[in-house]
Amino acid sequence: MTATTSVLFTVEAFAEPGLLPRLLQPFAKRDLVPDHLLARREGERLRVQLGMTAMPEEAVPLVAGNLGQVVGVTLVRTTRSEARKAA
């Protein structure tokens, strides 16, 4: 059984062309697709939320670390809720 968790990544970065596809790459390389993505420009900055309702627990710190390495990213915040077991 694999433990999963509901997770929301909040990313703050400089608003630059190509940023959004770069933020999806850490998910794609693990065959994961976020359940939702919300991006809002705030002047020269961009705030992006990427969420999954059932992300493998072991992938959370890996994705968070990769998001923090994306060029232009200044902050990554991870919020988790209710871990559960999946078959």
Protein backbone atom coordinates (compact mmCIF):
# COMPACT_ATOMS: atom_id res chain seq x y z
CA MET A 1 0.00 0.00 0.00
CA THR A 2 1.14 3.50 -0.77
CA ALA A 3 0.46 6.36 1.62
CA THR A 4 -0.99 9.43 -0.07
CA THR A 5 -1.68 12.92 1.15
CA SER A 6 -3.62 15.93 0.02
CA VAL A 7 -1.08 18.65 -0.67
CA LEU A 8 -1.05 22.26 -1.81
CA PHE A 9 2.17 23.88 -3.05
CA THR A 10 2.19 27.67 -3.00
CA VAL A 11 4.98 29.15 -5.10
CA GLU A 12 6.05 32.79 -5.32
CA ALA A 13 8.29 33.78 -8.22
CA PHE A 14 9.20 36.55 -10.59
CA ALA A 15 6.66 36.78 -13.41
CA GLU A 16 8.68 35.50 -16.38
CA PRO A 17 7.73 33.85 -19.67
CA GLY A 18 8.07 30.08 -19.38
CA LEU A 19 7.64 29.94 -15.61
CA LEU A 20 4.40 27.94 -15.55
CA PRO A 21 5.67 25.02 -17.70
CA ARG A 22 8.82 24.89 -15.56
CA LEU A 23 6.65 24.54 -12.45
CA LEU A 24 4.79 21.58 -13.96
CA GLN A 25 7.98 19.69 -14.80
CA PRO A 26 8.57 18.24 -11.27
CA PHE A 27 5.11 16.65 -11.47
CA ALA A 28 5.46 15.42 -15.06
CA LYS A 29 8.76 13.65 -14.48
CA ARG A 30 7.06 11.59 -11.74
CA ASP A 31 3.98 10.84 -13.89
CA LEU A 32 1.84 13.11 -11.69
CA VAL A 33 -0.77 15.61 -12.82
CA PRO A 34 -1.89 18.35 -10.41
CA ASP A 35 -5.63 18.38 -9.72
CA HIS A 36 -5.65 22.14 -9.85
CA LEU A 37 -3.41 25.05 -10.73
CA LEU A 38 -4.13 28.69 -9.94
CA ALA A 39 -1.80 31.47 -11.05
CA ARG A 40 -2.17 35.14 -10.21
CA ARG A 41 0.12 37.97 -11.22
CA GLU A 42 0.83 40.54 -8.52
CA GLY A 43 2.88 43.26 -10.21
CA GLU A 44 6.29 41.82 -11.06
CA ARG A 45 5.56 38.67 -9.04
CA LEU A 46 3.51 35.56 -9.70
CA ARG A 47 1.79 33.48 -7.02
CA VAL A 48 1.00 29.93 -8.16
CA GLN A 49 -0.89 27.23 -6.29
CA LEU A 50 -0.60 23.62 -7.42
CA GLY A 51 -2.67 21.01 -5.59
CA MET A 52 -3.22 17.28 -5.54
CA THR A 53 -5.78 15.39 -3.48
CA ALA A 54 -3.90 12.07 -3.47
CA MET A 55 -0.17 12.60 -3.95
CA PRO A 56 2.22 9.79 -2.97
CA GLU A 57 3.69 10.81 0.37
CA GLU A 58 7.27 10.11 -0.72
CA ALA A 59 6.93 12.47 -3.72
CA VAL A 60 5.98 15.55 -1.66
CA PRO A 61 9.47 16.57 -0.48
CA LEU A 62 10.96 15.74 -3.90
CA VAL A 63 8.48 17.93 -5.78
CA ALA A 64 8.84 20.72 -3.20
CA GLY A 65 12.62 20.63 -3.59
CA ASN A 66 12.41 20.70 -7.38
CA LEU A 67 9.96 23.62 -7.30
CA GLY A 68 12.42 25.55 -5.15
CA GLN A 69 15.15 25.03 -7.76
CA VAL A 70 13.14 26.51 -10.64
CA VAL A 71 14.75 29.70 -11.92
CA GLY A 72 12.87 32.74 -10.61
CA VAL A 73 11.21 30.99 -7.64
CA THR A 74 11.71 32.80 -4.33
CA LEU A 75 9.39 30.82 -2.02
CA VAL A 76 7.77 27.38 -1.87
CA ARG A 77 5.26 26.60 0.86
CA THR A 78 3.83 23.10 1.30
CA THR A 79 0.52 22.50 3.07
CA ARG A 80 -0.60 18.91 3.72
CA SER A 81 -3.75 17.37 5.11
CA GLU A 82 -5.07 13.90 5.99
CA ALA A 83 -2.66 11.15 5.00
CA ARG A 84 -4.38 7.91 3.96
CA LYS A 85 -3.51 4.49 2.57
CA ALA A 86 -4.24 3.59 -1.04
CA ALA A 87 -4.29 0.08 -2.48
